[in-house]
Amino acid sequence: MDKNAKFWSRIADKYAAGPVPDENIYQKKLKVTHEYLKPDMKVLEFGCGTGSTALVHAHSVKHILAIDIAERMLEIARQKAKEQGIENVDFKQANMEDLDVEKESIDVIFGLSILHLLKNKDQVISKVYKTLKPGGIFVSSTTCIQDFFKFYKLLEWFGPLGRSLGFLPLVNVFGSKELREAIKAPGFTIEYDWQPKGKGKRQAVFIIARKPEAGD
């Protein structure tokens, strides 16, 4: 298990016990996402954490494959699914980069609170695009640190030290403009773009993007 996976496994129980930062914002994101879901859809979520969002949407789709690098996160997610009697979500330890998934095989992909925690977000977004069927949907919610933390250079300097000591995860520092460009680069069209303000500060950027239909 690499250091990043160890970090997230170590904090998994505390993470699971913590409240949603802003319940109203979270519920709106769920509602907007739900409007894109259909009963026959196959969904993939990468960076699923303890599975809360996958389990909320499980009743609206055919099947969800939810992956994460942290085994303890997945143990908690599987227990939640068992307690809720949900059987159409499979939790698997994997990362998006190495996941063996057929091209153009998935209807919807969730990448929630994860792109800023990846070393290679552009490559992952490209793989998301290739994995989606024509007309497929990519739902993301991403913390854009440059938008609200003027001392973000400190993370670039001290982040590697914190990771080497095991008390910080990998954090990729970028702004919302760079995020939007990265999502559009493979060919996505952004259909929904919302950066709410909650509790006095700007929140994660919530984007729903569509891969063009065949022939478009």
N, C-alpha and C. Protein backbone atom coordinates (compact mmCIF):
# COMPACT_ATOMS: atom_id res chain seq x y z
N MET A 1 0.85 -1.20 0.00
CA MET A 1 0.00 0.00 0.00
C MET A 1 0.88 1.25 0.00
N ASP A 2 0.67 2.18 -0.94
CA ASP A 2 1.50 3.37 -0.99
C ASP A 2 1.12 4.34 0.12
N LYS A 3 1.93 5.39 0.27
CA LYS A 3 1.73 6.32 1.38
C LYS A 3 0.38 7.03 1.31
N ASN A 4 -0.05 7.35 0.09
CA ASN A 4 -1.33 8.03 -0.05
C ASN A 4 -2.48 7.14 0.40
N ALA A 5 -2.44 5.87 -0.03
CA ALA A 5 -3.47 4.92 0.38
C ALA A 5 -3.44 4.71 1.90
N LYS A 6 -2.25 4.64 2.49
CA LYS A 6 -2.13 4.48 3.93
C LYS A 6 -2.73 5.67 4.67
N PHE A 7 -2.47 6.87 4.14
CA PHE A 7 -3.01 8.08 4.77
C PHE A 7 -4.54 8.02 4.81
N TRP A 8 -5.17 7.72 3.67
CA TRP A 8 -6.63 7.73 3.61
C TRP A 8 -7.25 6.58 4.39
N SER A 9 -6.56 5.45 4.46
CA SER A 9 -7.06 4.36 5.30
C SER A 9 -6.98 4.72 6.78
N ARG A 10 -5.91 5.42 7.14
CA ARG A 10 -5.72 5.78 8.55
C ARG A 10 -6.79 6.74 9.04
N ILE A 11 -7.24 7.65 8.17
CA ILE A 11 -8.24 8.64 8.62
C ILE A 11 -9.66 8.23 8.26
N ALA A 12 -9.85 7.04 7.71
CA ALA A 12 -11.16 6.65 7.18
C ALA A 12 -12.27 6.69 8.22
N ASP A 13 -12.02 6.18 9.41
CA ASP A 13 -13.07 6.15 10.43
C ASP A 13 -13.47 7.56 10.87
N LYS A 14 -12.48 8.43 11.03
CA LYS A 14 -12.77 9.82 11.38
C LYS A 14 -13.51 10.50 10.23
N TYR A 15 -13.09 10.23 9.01
CA TYR A 15 -13.74 10.80 7.83
C TYR A 15 -15.21 10.37 7.76
N ALA A 16 -15.45 9.10 8.01
CA ALA A 16 -16.82 8.57 7.95
C ALA A 16 -17.72 9.16 9.03
N ALA A 17 -17.13 9.47 10.18
CA ALA A 17 -17.91 9.99 11.30
C ALA A 17 -18.19 11.48 11.19
N GLY A 18 -17.45 12.17 10.33
CA GLY A 18 -17.59 13.61 10.22
C GLY A 18 -18.83 14.01 9.43
N PRO A 19 -19.36 15.20 9.70
CA PRO A 19 -20.55 15.67 8.97
C PRO A 19 -20.18 16.16 7.57
N VAL A 20 -21.18 16.21 6.70
CA VAL A 20 -21.00 16.85 5.40
C VAL A 20 -20.75 18.34 5.64
N PRO A 21 -19.73 18.94 4.98
CA PRO A 21 -19.41 20.35 5.26
C PRO A 21 -20.59 21.29 5.09
N ASP A 22 -21.40 21.11 4.06
CA ASP A 22 -22.58 21.95 3.85
C ASP A 22 -23.68 21.07 3.27
N GLU A 23 -24.63 20.70 4.10
CA GLU A 23 -25.67 19.74 3.70
C GLU A 23 -26.53 20.26 2.56
N ASN A 24 -26.84 21.55 2.55
CA ASN A 24 -27.69 22.10 1.49
C ASN A 24 -27.01 22.02 0.12
N ILE A 25 -25.73 22.34 0.09
CA ILE A 25 -24.96 22.25 -1.15
C ILE A 25 -24.88 20.80 -1.61
N TYR A 26 -24.61 19.90 -0.69
CA TYR A 26 -24.52 18.48 -1.03
C TYR A 26 -25.83 17.96 -1.60
N GLN A 27 -26.93 18.32 -0.98
CA GLN A 27 -28.24 17.85 -1.45
C GLN A 27 -28.56 18.40 -2.84
N LYS A 28 -28.18 19.63 -3.11
CA LYS A 28 -28.42 20.19 -4.44
C LYS A 28 -27.60 19.43 -5.49
N LYS A 29 -26.36 19.10 -5.17
CA LYS A 29 -25.53 18.33 -6.10
C LYS A 29 -26.15 16.97 -6.38
N LEU A 30 -26.66 16.32 -5.34
CA LEU A 30 -27.32 15.03 -5.53
C LEU A 30 -28.54 15.18 -6.43
N LYS A 31 -29.31 16.22 -6.21
CA LYS A 31 -30.53 16.44 -6.99
C LYS A 31 -30.21 16.68 -8.46
N VAL A 32 -29.22 17.53 -8.73
CA VAL A 32 -28.84 17.82 -10.11
C VAL A 32 -28.31 16.56 -10.79
N THR A 33 -27.48 15.80 -10.08
CA THR A 33 -26.93 14.56 -10.64
C THR A 33 -28.04 13.58 -10.96
N HIS A 34 -29.00 13.47 -10.05
CA HIS A 34 -30.10 12.51 -10.22
C HIS A 34 -30.86 12.74 -11.53
N GLU A 35 -30.94 13.98 -11.96
CA GLU A 35 -31.66 14.30 -13.19
C GLU A 35 -31.02 13.69 -14.43
N TYR A 36 -29.76 13.30 -14.33
CA TYR A 36 -29.05 12.71 -15.47
C TYR A 36 -29.07 11.18 -15.44
N LEU A 37 -29.57 10.58 -14.38
CA LEU A 37 -29.50 9.14 -14.20
C LEU A 37 -30.76 8.44 -14.72
N LYS A 38 -30.54 7.21 -15.24
CA LYS A 38 -31.65 6.39 -15.74
C LYS A 38 -31.49 4.96 -15.24
N PRO A 39 -32.60 4.22 -15.12
CA PRO A 39 -32.55 2.89 -14.51
C PRO A 39 -31.65 1.87 -15.22
N ASP A 40 -31.37 2.05 -16.51
CA ASP A 40 -30.57 1.07 -17.23
C ASP A 40 -29.09 1.43 -17.29
N MET A 41 -28.67 2.44 -16.55
CA MET A 41 -27.31 2.95 -16.67
C MET A 41 -26.29 2.16 -15.85
N LYS A 42 -25.07 2.06 -16.40
CA LYS A 42 -23.91 1.56 -15.67
C LYS A 42 -23.06 2.77 -15.28
N VAL A 43 -22.70 2.82 -13.99
CA VAL A 43 -21.99 3.97 -13.44
C VAL A 43 -20.65 3.52 -12.84
N LEU A 44 -19.65 4.37 -12.98
CA LEU A 44 -18.35 4.16 -12.35
C LEU A 44 -18.05 5.37 -11.49
N GLU A 45 -17.65 5.15 -10.26
CA GLU A 45 -17.17 6.24 -9.41
C GLU A 45 -15.74 5.95 -9.00
N PHE A 46 -14.84 6.89 -9.24
CA PHE A 46 -13.46 6.73 -8.76
C PHE A 46 -13.22 7.71 -7.61
N GLY A 47 -12.45 7.23 -6.61
CA GLY A 47 -12.29 8.01 -5.39
C GLY A 47 -13.57 8.04 -4.59
N CYS A 48 -14.20 6.90 -4.42
CA CYS A 48 -15.54 6.84 -3.82
C CYS A 48 -15.54 7.03 -2.31
N GLY A 49 -14.38 6.96 -1.66
CA GLY A 49 -14.34 7.13 -0.21
C GLY A 49 -15.16 6.06 0.50
N THR A 50 -16.00 6.48 1.41
CA THR A 50 -16.81 5.52 2.19
C THR A 50 -18.15 5.23 1.53
N GLY A 51 -18.30 5.62 0.27
CA GLY A 51 -19.42 5.14 -0.53
C GLY A 51 -20.74 5.87 -0.41
N SER A 52 -20.79 6.96 0.33
CA SER A 52 -22.09 7.60 0.61
C SER A 52 -22.82 8.00 -0.66
N THR A 53 -22.14 8.67 -1.58
CA THR A 53 -22.82 9.17 -2.78
C THR A 53 -23.21 8.03 -3.70
N ALA A 54 -22.35 7.04 -3.85
CA ALA A 54 -22.69 5.88 -4.68
C ALA A 54 -23.95 5.20 -4.16
N LEU A 55 -24.06 5.07 -2.86
CA LEU A 55 -25.22 4.38 -2.27
C LEU A 55 -26.50 5.21 -2.42
N VAL A 56 -26.38 6.53 -2.37
CA VAL A 56 -27.55 7.38 -2.59
C VAL A 56 -28.11 7.17 -3.99
N HIS A 57 -27.22 7.08 -4.98
CA HIS A 57 -27.65 6.99 -6.37
C HIS A 57 -27.92 5.55 -6.83
N ALA A 58 -27.61 4.58 -6.01
CA ALA A 58 -27.73 3.17 -6.42
C ALA A 58 -29.14 2.81 -6.85
N HIS A 59 -30.15 3.40 -6.21
CA HIS A 59 -31.54 3.06 -6.53
C HIS A 59 -31.99 3.60 -7.88
N SER A 60 -31.19 4.50 -8.46
CA SER A 60 -31.59 5.17 -9.70
C SER A 60 -30.95 4.57 -10.95
N VAL A 61 -30.02 3.62 -10.77
CA VAL A 61 -29.29 3.07 -11.91
C VAL A 61 -29.22 1.55 -11.83
N LYS A 62 -28.69 0.94 -12.88
CA LYS A 62 -28.59 -0.52 -12.92
C LYS A 62 -27.47 -1.04 -12.04
N HIS A 63 -26.28 -0.43 -12.17
CA HIS A 63 -25.12 -0.93 -11.43
C HIS A 63 -24.09 0.18 -11.26
N ILE A 64 -23.39 0.17 -10.13
CA ILE A 64 -22.29 1.10 -9.88
C ILE A 64 -21.06 0.31 -9.47
N LEU A 65 -19.94 0.57 -10.14
CA LEU A 65 -18.63 0.12 -9.70
C LEU A 65 -17.96 1.31 -9.03
N ALA A 66 -17.68 1.19 -7.74
CA ALA A 66 -17.09 2.28 -6.98
C ALA A 66 -15.70 1.87 -6.52
N ILE A 67 -14.69 2.67 -6.89
CA ILE A 67 -13.31 2.31 -6.58
C ILE A 67 -12.65 3.36 -5.71
N ASP A 68 -11.68 2.91 -4.93
CA ASP A 68 -10.88 3.81 -4.09
C ASP A 68 -9.56 3.12 -3.81
N ILE A 69 -8.54 3.91 -3.47
CA ILE A 69 -7.22 3.32 -3.18
C ILE A 69 -7.12 2.86 -1.74
N ALA A 70 -8.01 3.32 -0.86
CA ALA A 70 -7.89 3.05 0.58
C ALA A 70 -8.82 1.91 1.00
N GLU A 71 -8.24 0.81 1.41
CA GLU A 71 -9.03 -0.37 1.75
C GLU A 71 -9.96 -0.12 2.93
N ARG A 72 -9.54 0.66 3.92
CA ARG A 72 -10.41 0.91 5.06
C ARG A 72 -11.64 1.72 4.65
N MET A 73 -11.47 2.67 3.74
CA MET A 73 -12.62 3.39 3.21
C MET A 73 -13.62 2.40 2.60
N LEU A 74 -13.11 1.44 1.85
CA LEU A 74 -13.97 0.48 1.18
C LEU A 74 -14.64 -0.47 2.16
N GLU A 75 -13.95 -0.83 3.23
CA GLU A 75 -14.56 -1.67 4.25
C GLU A 75 -15.78 -0.98 4.85
N ILE A 76 -15.64 0.31 5.13
CA ILE A 76 -16.77 1.07 5.67
C ILE A 76 -17.90 1.15 4.65
N ALA A 77 -17.53 1.38 3.37
CA ALA A 77 -18.54 1.47 2.31
C ALA A 77 -19.32 0.16 2.18
N ARG A 78 -18.61 -0.96 2.21
CA ARG A 78 -19.28 -2.27 2.08
C ARG A 78 -20.23 -2.51 3.25
N GLN A 79 -19.82 -2.08 4.44
CA GLN A 79 -20.68 -2.24 5.61
C GLN A 79 -21.94 -1.39 5.48
N LYS A 80 -21.78 -0.16 4.97
CA LYS A 80 -22.95 0.70 4.74
C LYS A 80 -23.92 0.04 3.75
N ALA A 81 -23.36 -0.51 2.67
CA ALA A 81 -24.21 -1.15 1.66
C ALA A 81 -24.97 -2.33 2.26
N LYS A 82 -24.29 -3.11 3.08
CA LYS A 82 -24.92 -4.26 3.73
C LYS A 82 -26.04 -3.80 4.65
N GLU A 83 -25.79 -2.78 5.44
CA GLU A 83 -26.79 -2.27 6.37
C GLU A 83 -28.00 -1.70 5.64
N GLN A 84 -27.78 -1.13 4.47
CA GLN A 84 -28.87 -0.52 3.70
C GLN A 84 -29.52 -1.49 2.73
N GLY A 85 -29.00 -2.71 2.65
CA GLY A 85 -29.57 -3.71 1.77
C GLY A 85 -29.38 -3.40 0.29
N ILE A 86 -28.29 -2.71 -0.05
CA ILE A 86 -28.01 -2.33 -1.43
C ILE A 86 -27.06 -3.34 -2.05
N GLU A 87 -27.47 -3.93 -3.16
CA GLU A 87 -26.68 -5.02 -3.75
C GLU A 87 -26.16 -4.72 -5.16
N ASN A 88 -26.47 -3.55 -5.70
CA ASN A 88 -26.03 -3.25 -7.06
C ASN A 88 -24.84 -2.29 -7.11
N VAL A 89 -24.11 -2.19 -5.99
CA VAL A 89 -22.87 -1.42 -5.95
C VAL A 89 -21.73 -2.35 -5.56
N ASP A 90 -20.71 -2.42 -6.40
CA ASP A 90 -19.51 -3.20 -6.10
C ASP A 90 -18.38 -2.24 -5.74
N PHE A 91 -17.76 -2.48 -4.59
CA PHE A 91 -16.64 -1.65 -4.14
C PHE A 91 -15.33 -2.40 -4.38
N LYS A 92 -14.39 -1.73 -5.01
CA LYS A 92 -13.14 -2.37 -5.41
C LYS A 92 -11.96 -1.45 -5.12
N GLN A 93 -10.87 -2.04 -4.63
CA GLN A 93 -9.66 -1.25 -4.39
C GLN A 93 -8.90 -1.10 -5.70
N ALA A 94 -8.83 0.12 -6.19
CA ALA A 94 -8.17 0.41 -7.46
C ALA A 94 -8.07 1.91 -7.62
N ASN A 95 -7.23 2.33 -8.55
CA ASN A 95 -7.23 3.73 -8.95
C ASN A 95 -7.65 3.82 -10.42
N MET A 96 -8.08 4.98 -10.82
CA MET A 96 -8.61 5.15 -12.17
C MET A 96 -7.54 4.92 -13.22
N GLU A 97 -6.32 5.31 -12.92
CA GLU A 97 -5.24 5.18 -13.89
C GLU A 97 -5.03 3.74 -14.32
N ASP A 98 -5.09 2.82 -13.36
CA ASP A 98 -4.76 1.42 -13.64
C ASP A 98 -5.98 0.53 -13.80
N LEU A 99 -7.17 1.07 -13.64
CA LEU A 99 -8.38 0.26 -13.73
C LEU A 99 -8.54 -0.32 -15.13
N ASP A 100 -8.75 -1.63 -15.17
CA ASP A 100 -8.98 -2.31 -16.45
C ASP A 100 -10.46 -2.22 -16.78
N VAL A 101 -10.80 -1.28 -17.64
CA VAL A 101 -12.20 -1.06 -17.99
C VAL A 101 -12.29 -0.86 -19.50
N GLU A 102 -13.29 -1.44 -20.09
CA GLU A 102 -13.46 -1.39 -21.54
C GLU A 102 -13.80 0.02 -22.01
N LYS A 103 -13.25 0.41 -23.14
CA LYS A 103 -13.56 1.72 -23.70
C LYS A 103 -15.04 1.82 -24.08
N GLU A 104 -15.58 3.00 -23.90
CA GLU A 104 -16.97 3.32 -24.26
C GLU A 104 -17.95 2.30 -23.70
N SER A 105 -17.77 1.98 -22.40
CA SER A 105 -18.61 0.96 -21.77
C SER A 105 -19.45 1.47 -20.62
N ILE A 106 -19.24 2.73 -20.21
CA ILE A 106 -19.89 3.27 -19.02
C ILE A 106 -20.76 4.47 -19.41
N ASP A 107 -21.94 4.56 -18.78
CA ASP A 107 -22.87 5.66 -19.08
C ASP A 107 -22.54 6.94 -18.32
N VAL A 108 -22.17 6.78 -17.05
CA VAL A 108 -21.90 7.94 -16.19
C VAL A 108 -20.68 7.64 -15.33
N ILE A 109 -19.80 8.62 -15.18
CA ILE A 109 -18.64 8.49 -14.28
C ILE A 109 -18.66 9.63 -13.29
N PHE A 110 -18.53 9.28 -12.00
CA PHE A 110 -18.41 10.27 -10.93
C PHE A 110 -16.94 10.40 -10.53
N GLY A 111 -16.46 11.64 -10.43
CA GLY A 111 -15.15 11.93 -9.85
C GLY A 111 -15.34 13.05 -8.85
N LEU A 112 -15.74 12.70 -7.63
CA LEU A 112 -16.19 13.68 -6.64
C LEU A 112 -15.13 13.87 -5.55
N SER A 113 -14.71 15.10 -5.38
CA SER A 113 -13.68 15.44 -4.37
C SER A 113 -12.42 14.61 -4.57
N ILE A 114 -11.99 14.47 -5.82
CA ILE A 114 -10.86 13.59 -6.10
C ILE A 114 -9.85 14.18 -7.08
N LEU A 115 -10.27 14.97 -8.07
CA LEU A 115 -9.32 15.42 -9.10
C LEU A 115 -8.16 16.21 -8.51
N HIS A 116 -8.40 16.98 -7.46
CA HIS A 116 -7.34 17.76 -6.83
C HIS A 116 -6.43 16.90 -5.95
N LEU A 117 -6.76 15.63 -5.81
CA LEU A 117 -5.93 14.71 -5.02
C LEU A 117 -5.16 13.74 -5.91
N LEU A 118 -5.15 14.02 -7.21
CA LEU A 118 -4.45 13.17 -8.16
C LEU A 118 -3.21 13.87 -8.69
N LYS A 119 -2.19 13.09 -8.94
CA LYS A 119 -0.95 13.64 -9.51
C LYS A 119 -1.15 13.99 -10.97
N ASN A 120 -2.00 13.24 -11.65
CA ASN A 120 -2.12 13.34 -13.11
C ASN A 120 -3.59 13.49 -13.52
N LYS A 121 -4.21 14.57 -13.10
CA LYS A 121 -5.63 14.77 -13.37
C LYS A 121 -5.95 14.78 -14.86
N ASP A 122 -5.06 15.36 -15.67
CA ASP A 122 -5.34 15.46 -17.10
C ASP A 122 -5.43 14.08 -17.75
N GLN A 123 -4.52 13.19 -17.38
CA GLN A 123 -4.56 11.82 -17.91
C GLN A 123 -5.79 11.08 -17.45
N VAL A 124 -6.19 11.31 -16.20
CA VAL A 124 -7.38 10.64 -15.68
C VAL A 124 -8.63 11.15 -16.39
N ILE A 125 -8.72 12.45 -16.60
CA ILE A 125 -9.88 12.99 -17.31
C ILE A 125 -9.93 12.43 -18.73
N SER A 126 -8.78 12.28 -19.37
CA SER A 126 -8.73 11.69 -20.70
C SER A 126 -9.23 10.25 -20.68
N LYS A 127 -8.85 9.49 -19.64
CA LYS A 127 -9.32 8.11 -19.54
C LYS A 127 -10.83 8.07 -19.28
N VAL A 128 -11.32 8.99 -18.47
CA VAL A 128 -12.77 9.09 -18.23
C VAL A 128 -13.49 9.27 -19.57
N TYR A 129 -12.97 10.17 -20.38
CA TYR A 129 -13.59 10.45 -21.68
C TYR A 129 -13.62 9.19 -22.55
N LYS A 130 -12.51 8.46 -22.59
CA LYS A 130 -12.44 7.26 -23.42
C LYS A 130 -13.33 6.14 -22.88
N THR A 131 -13.54 6.11 -21.58
CA THR A 131 -14.33 5.05 -20.95
C THR A 131 -15.82 5.26 -21.14
N LEU A 132 -16.24 6.51 -21.23
CA LEU A 132 -17.66 6.81 -21.38
C LEU A 132 -18.18 6.44 -22.78
N LYS A 133 -19.42 6.01 -22.81
CA LYS A 133 -20.10 5.82 -24.08
C LYS A 133 -20.31 7.18 -24.75
N PRO A 134 -20.50 7.22 -26.07
CA PRO A 134 -20.91 8.47 -26.71
C PRO A 134 -22.17 9.01 -26.04
N GLY A 135 -22.16 10.28 -25.69
CA GLY A 135 -23.27 10.88 -24.97
C GLY A 135 -23.17 10.70 -23.47
N GLY A 136 -22.10 10.03 -23.00
CA GLY A 136 -21.93 9.76 -21.58
C GLY A 136 -21.65 11.01 -20.76
N ILE A 137 -21.86 10.89 -19.45
CA ILE A 137 -21.81 12.02 -18.53
C ILE A 137 -20.68 11.86 -17.52
N PHE A 138 -19.92 12.95 -17.31
CA PHE A 138 -18.89 13.01 -16.27
C PHE A 138 -19.32 14.03 -15.24
N VAL A 139 -19.48 13.57 -13.99
CA VAL A 139 -19.88 14.44 -12.88
C VAL A 139 -18.69 14.61 -11.96
N SER A 140 -18.28 15.85 -11.73
CA SER A 140 -17.13 16.10 -10.86
C SER A 140 -17.41 17.22 -9.89
N SER A 141 -16.75 17.14 -8.75
CA SER A 141 -16.77 18.21 -7.75
C SER A 141 -15.34 18.35 -7.25
N THR A 142 -14.75 19.52 -7.45
CA THR A 142 -13.30 19.65 -7.29
C THR A 142 -12.93 20.90 -6.51
N THR A 143 -12.08 20.74 -5.51
CA THR A 143 -11.56 21.87 -4.76
C THR A 143 -10.43 22.52 -5.55
N CYS A 144 -10.63 23.78 -5.91
CA CYS A 144 -9.63 24.52 -6.70
C CYS A 144 -8.92 25.49 -5.76
N ILE A 145 -7.80 25.03 -5.22
CA ILE A 145 -7.14 25.73 -4.12
C ILE A 145 -6.69 27.13 -4.51
N GLN A 146 -6.26 27.32 -5.75
CA GLN A 146 -5.80 28.65 -6.16
C GLN A 146 -6.90 29.70 -6.09
N ASP A 147 -8.15 29.27 -6.13
CA ASP A 147 -9.26 30.23 -6.13
C ASP A 147 -9.45 30.92 -4.78
N PHE A 148 -9.02 30.29 -3.70
CA PHE A 148 -9.35 30.86 -2.39
C PHE A 148 -8.19 30.90 -1.41
N PHE A 149 -7.05 30.29 -1.74
CA PHE A 149 -5.92 30.26 -0.79
C PHE A 149 -4.73 30.97 -1.43
N LYS A 150 -4.53 32.24 -1.05
CA LYS A 150 -3.51 33.04 -1.72
C LYS A 150 -2.09 32.57 -1.41
N PHE A 151 -1.95 31.77 -0.36
CA PHE A 151 -0.62 31.25 -0.02
C PHE A 151 -0.45 29.81 -0.52
N TYR A 152 -1.10 29.50 -1.66
CA TYR A 152 -1.08 28.12 -2.16
C TYR A 152 0.32 27.62 -2.47
N LYS A 153 1.26 28.55 -2.72
CA LYS A 153 2.64 28.12 -2.99
C LYS A 153 3.23 27.35 -1.81
N LEU A 154 2.71 27.62 -0.61
CA LEU A 154 3.21 26.91 0.57
C LEU A 154 2.94 25.42 0.45
N LEU A 155 1.77 25.06 -0.14
CA LEU A 155 1.46 23.64 -0.32
C LEU A 155 2.43 22.99 -1.29
N GLU A 156 2.83 23.73 -2.31
CA GLU A 156 3.79 23.20 -3.27
C GLU A 156 5.14 22.99 -2.64
N TRP A 157 5.49 23.83 -1.67
CA TRP A 157 6.78 23.71 -1.01
C TRP A 157 6.77 22.64 0.10
N PHE A 158 5.73 22.68 0.95
CA PHE A 158 5.71 21.82 2.13
C PHE A 158 4.92 20.52 1.92
N GLY A 159 4.14 20.46 0.86
CA GLY A 159 3.37 19.25 0.60
C GLY A 159 4.21 17.99 0.52
N PRO A 160 5.29 18.00 -0.28
CA PRO A 160 6.11 16.78 -0.37
C PRO A 160 6.68 16.33 0.97
N LEU A 161 7.06 17.29 1.81
CA LEU A 161 7.56 16.93 3.15
C LEU A 161 6.46 16.29 3.97
N GLY A 162 5.28 16.90 3.96
CA GLY A 162 4.16 16.35 4.70
C GLY A 162 3.80 14.95 4.24
N ARG A 163 3.85 14.71 2.93
CA ARG A 163 3.56 13.38 2.40
C ARG A 163 4.61 12.37 2.82
N SER A 164 5.87 12.80 2.80
CA SER A 164 6.94 11.87 3.17
C SER A 164 6.85 11.47 4.63
N LEU A 165 6.32 12.36 5.47
CA LEU A 165 6.15 12.07 6.90
C LEU A 165 4.81 11.39 7.20
N GLY A 166 3.94 11.34 6.19
CA GLY A 166 2.69 10.61 6.35
C GLY A 166 1.54 11.38 6.96
N PHE A 167 1.66 12.72 7.11
CA PHE A 167 0.55 13.45 7.71
C PHE A 167 -0.18 14.35 6.71
N LEU A 168 0.19 14.29 5.45
CA LEU A 168 -0.53 15.01 4.41
C LEU A 168 -0.73 14.08 3.21
N PRO A 169 -1.88 14.19 2.53
CA PRO A 169 -2.06 13.44 1.29
C PRO A 169 -1.46 14.23 0.13
N LEU A 170 -1.39 13.61 -1.01
CA LEU A 170 -1.03 14.33 -2.22
C LEU A 170 -2.13 15.33 -2.54
N VAL A 171 -1.75 16.58 -2.79
CA VAL A 171 -2.71 17.62 -3.16
C VAL A 171 -2.19 18.34 -4.40
N ASN A 172 -3.01 18.40 -5.43
CA ASN A 172 -2.66 19.05 -6.68
C ASN A 172 -3.27 20.45 -6.68
N VAL A 173 -2.43 21.47 -6.78
CA VAL A 173 -2.89 22.85 -6.67
C VAL A 173 -3.16 23.44 -8.05
N PHE A 174 -4.41 23.86 -8.28
CA PHE A 174 -4.78 24.53 -9.52
C PHE A 174 -6.04 25.35 -9.28
N GLY A 175 -6.41 26.16 -10.27
CA GLY A 175 -7.59 27.00 -10.16
C GLY A 175 -8.73 26.48 -11.02
N SER A 176 -9.89 27.13 -10.88
CA SER A 176 -11.08 26.67 -11.60
C SER A 176 -10.93 26.83 -13.11
N LYS A 177 -10.21 27.85 -13.57
CA LYS A 177 -9.99 28.03 -15.00
C LYS A 177 -9.23 26.85 -15.58
N GLU A 178 -8.17 26.44 -14.90
CA GLU A 178 -7.39 25.28 -15.35
C GLU A 178 -8.24 24.00 -15.32
N LEU A 179 -9.07 23.86 -14.30
CA LEU A 179 -9.94 22.69 -14.22
C LEU A 179 -10.87 22.62 -15.42
N ARG A 180 -11.53 23.72 -15.73
CA ARG A 180 -12.47 23.72 -16.86
C ARG A 180 -11.76 23.41 -18.17
N GLU A 181 -10.57 23.96 -18.35
CA GLU A 181 -9.80 23.69 -19.57
C GLU A 181 -9.42 22.22 -19.65
N ALA A 182 -9.06 21.62 -18.50
CA ALA A 182 -8.69 20.21 -18.47
C ALA A 182 -9.87 19.31 -18.82
N ILE A 183 -11.06 19.68 -18.36
CA ILE A 183 -12.25 18.88 -18.65
C ILE A 183 -12.65 19.00 -20.12
N LYS A 184 -12.51 20.19 -20.68
CA LYS A 184 -12.89 20.39 -22.09
C LYS A 184 -11.86 19.83 -23.06
N ALA A 185 -10.61 19.67 -22.61
CA ALA A 185 -9.53 19.29 -23.52
C ALA A 185 -9.77 18.00 -24.30
N PRO A 186 -10.27 16.91 -23.68
CA PRO A 186 -10.48 15.67 -24.45
C PRO A 186 -11.66 15.77 -25.42
N GLY A 187 -12.57 16.74 -25.21
CA GLY A 187 -13.73 16.86 -26.07
C GLY A 187 -15.05 17.03 -25.35
N PHE A 188 -15.01 17.06 -24.01
CA PHE A 188 -16.24 17.23 -23.24
C PHE A 188 -16.86 18.61 -23.49
N THR A 189 -18.18 18.64 -23.41
CA THR A 189 -18.93 19.89 -23.36
C THR A 189 -19.50 20.05 -21.95
N ILE A 190 -19.21 21.17 -21.32
CA ILE A 190 -19.70 21.41 -19.96
C ILE A 190 -21.16 21.86 -20.03
N GLU A 191 -22.04 21.10 -19.39
CA GLU A 191 -23.48 21.40 -19.39
C GLU A 191 -23.95 22.09 -18.11
N TYR A 192 -23.23 21.86 -17.03
CA TYR A 192 -23.63 22.45 -15.75
C TYR A 192 -22.35 22.82 -15.00
N ASP A 193 -22.30 24.05 -14.51
CA ASP A 193 -21.08 24.56 -13.88
C ASP A 193 -21.50 25.44 -12.71
N TRP A 194 -21.17 25.00 -11.50
CA TRP A 194 -21.62 25.71 -10.30
C TRP A 194 -20.51 25.72 -9.26
N GLN A 195 -20.15 26.92 -8.82
CA GLN A 195 -19.22 27.06 -7.71
C GLN A 195 -19.93 27.85 -6.61
N PRO A 196 -20.60 27.15 -5.72
CA PRO A 196 -21.41 27.83 -4.71
C PRO A 196 -20.54 28.50 -3.65
N LYS A 197 -21.16 29.40 -2.93
CA LYS A 197 -20.55 29.96 -1.74
C LYS A 197 -21.28 29.41 -0.54
N GLY A 198 -20.53 28.89 0.39
CA GLY A 198 -21.13 28.35 1.60
C GLY A 198 -20.29 28.68 2.81
N LYS A 199 -20.93 29.09 3.86
CA LYS A 199 -20.24 29.41 5.11
C LYS A 199 -19.13 30.43 4.89
N GLY A 200 -19.42 31.41 3.99
CA GLY A 200 -18.52 32.53 3.83
C GLY A 200 -17.33 32.31 2.92
N LYS A 201 -17.25 31.17 2.26
CA LYS A 201 -16.11 30.95 1.36
C LYS A 201 -16.56 30.17 0.14
N ARG A 202 -15.76 30.28 -0.91
CA ARG A 202 -16.07 29.56 -2.14
C ARG A 202 -15.84 28.07 -1.96
N GLN A 203 -16.77 27.30 -2.50
CA GLN A 203 -16.74 25.86 -2.35
C GLN A 203 -16.13 25.20 -3.60
N ALA A 204 -16.17 23.88 -3.60
CA ALA A 204 -15.69 23.12 -4.73
C ALA A 204 -16.49 23.45 -5.99
N VAL A 205 -15.85 23.31 -7.14
CA VAL A 205 -16.50 23.55 -8.42
C VAL A 205 -17.21 22.26 -8.84
N PHE A 206 -18.51 22.37 -9.03
CA PHE A 206 -19.33 21.22 -9.41
C PHE A 206 -19.64 21.32 -10.90
N ILE A 207 -19.19 20.33 -11.66
CA ILE A 207 -19.33 20.37 -13.12
C ILE A 207 -19.94 19.06 -13.62
N ILE A 208 -20.88 19.19 -14.53
CA ILE A 208 -21.39 18.04 -15.27
C ILE A 208 -21.07 18.26 -16.74
N ALA A 209 -20.32 17.33 -17.31
CA ALA A 209 -19.86 17.45 -18.69
C ALA A 209 -20.32 16.24 -19.50
N ARG A 210 -20.53 16.47 -20.78
CA ARG A 210 -21.04 15.39 -21.65
C ARG A 210 -20.05 15.10 -22.78
N LYS A 211 -19.85 13.82 -23.03
CA LYS A 211 -19.11 13.40 -24.21
C LYS A 211 -20.04 13.47 -25.42
N PRO A 212 -19.58 13.98 -26.55
CA PRO A 212 -20.49 14.09 -27.70
C PRO A 212 -21.05 12.75 -28.13
N GLU A 213 -22.24 12.80 -28.70
CA GLU A 213 -22.83 11.62 -29.30
C GLU A 213 -22.02 11.21 -30.53
N ALA A 214 -22.08 9.94 -30.89
CA ALA A 214 -21.37 9.48 -32.07
C ALA A 214 -21.81 10.27 -33.29
N GLY A 215 -20.84 10.76 -34.04
CA GLY A 215 -21.16 11.50 -35.24
C GLY A 215 -21.24 13.01 -35.04
N ASP A 216 -21.24 13.47 -33.77
CA ASP A 216 -21.31 14.91 -33.52
C ASP A 216 -19.96 15.57 -33.85
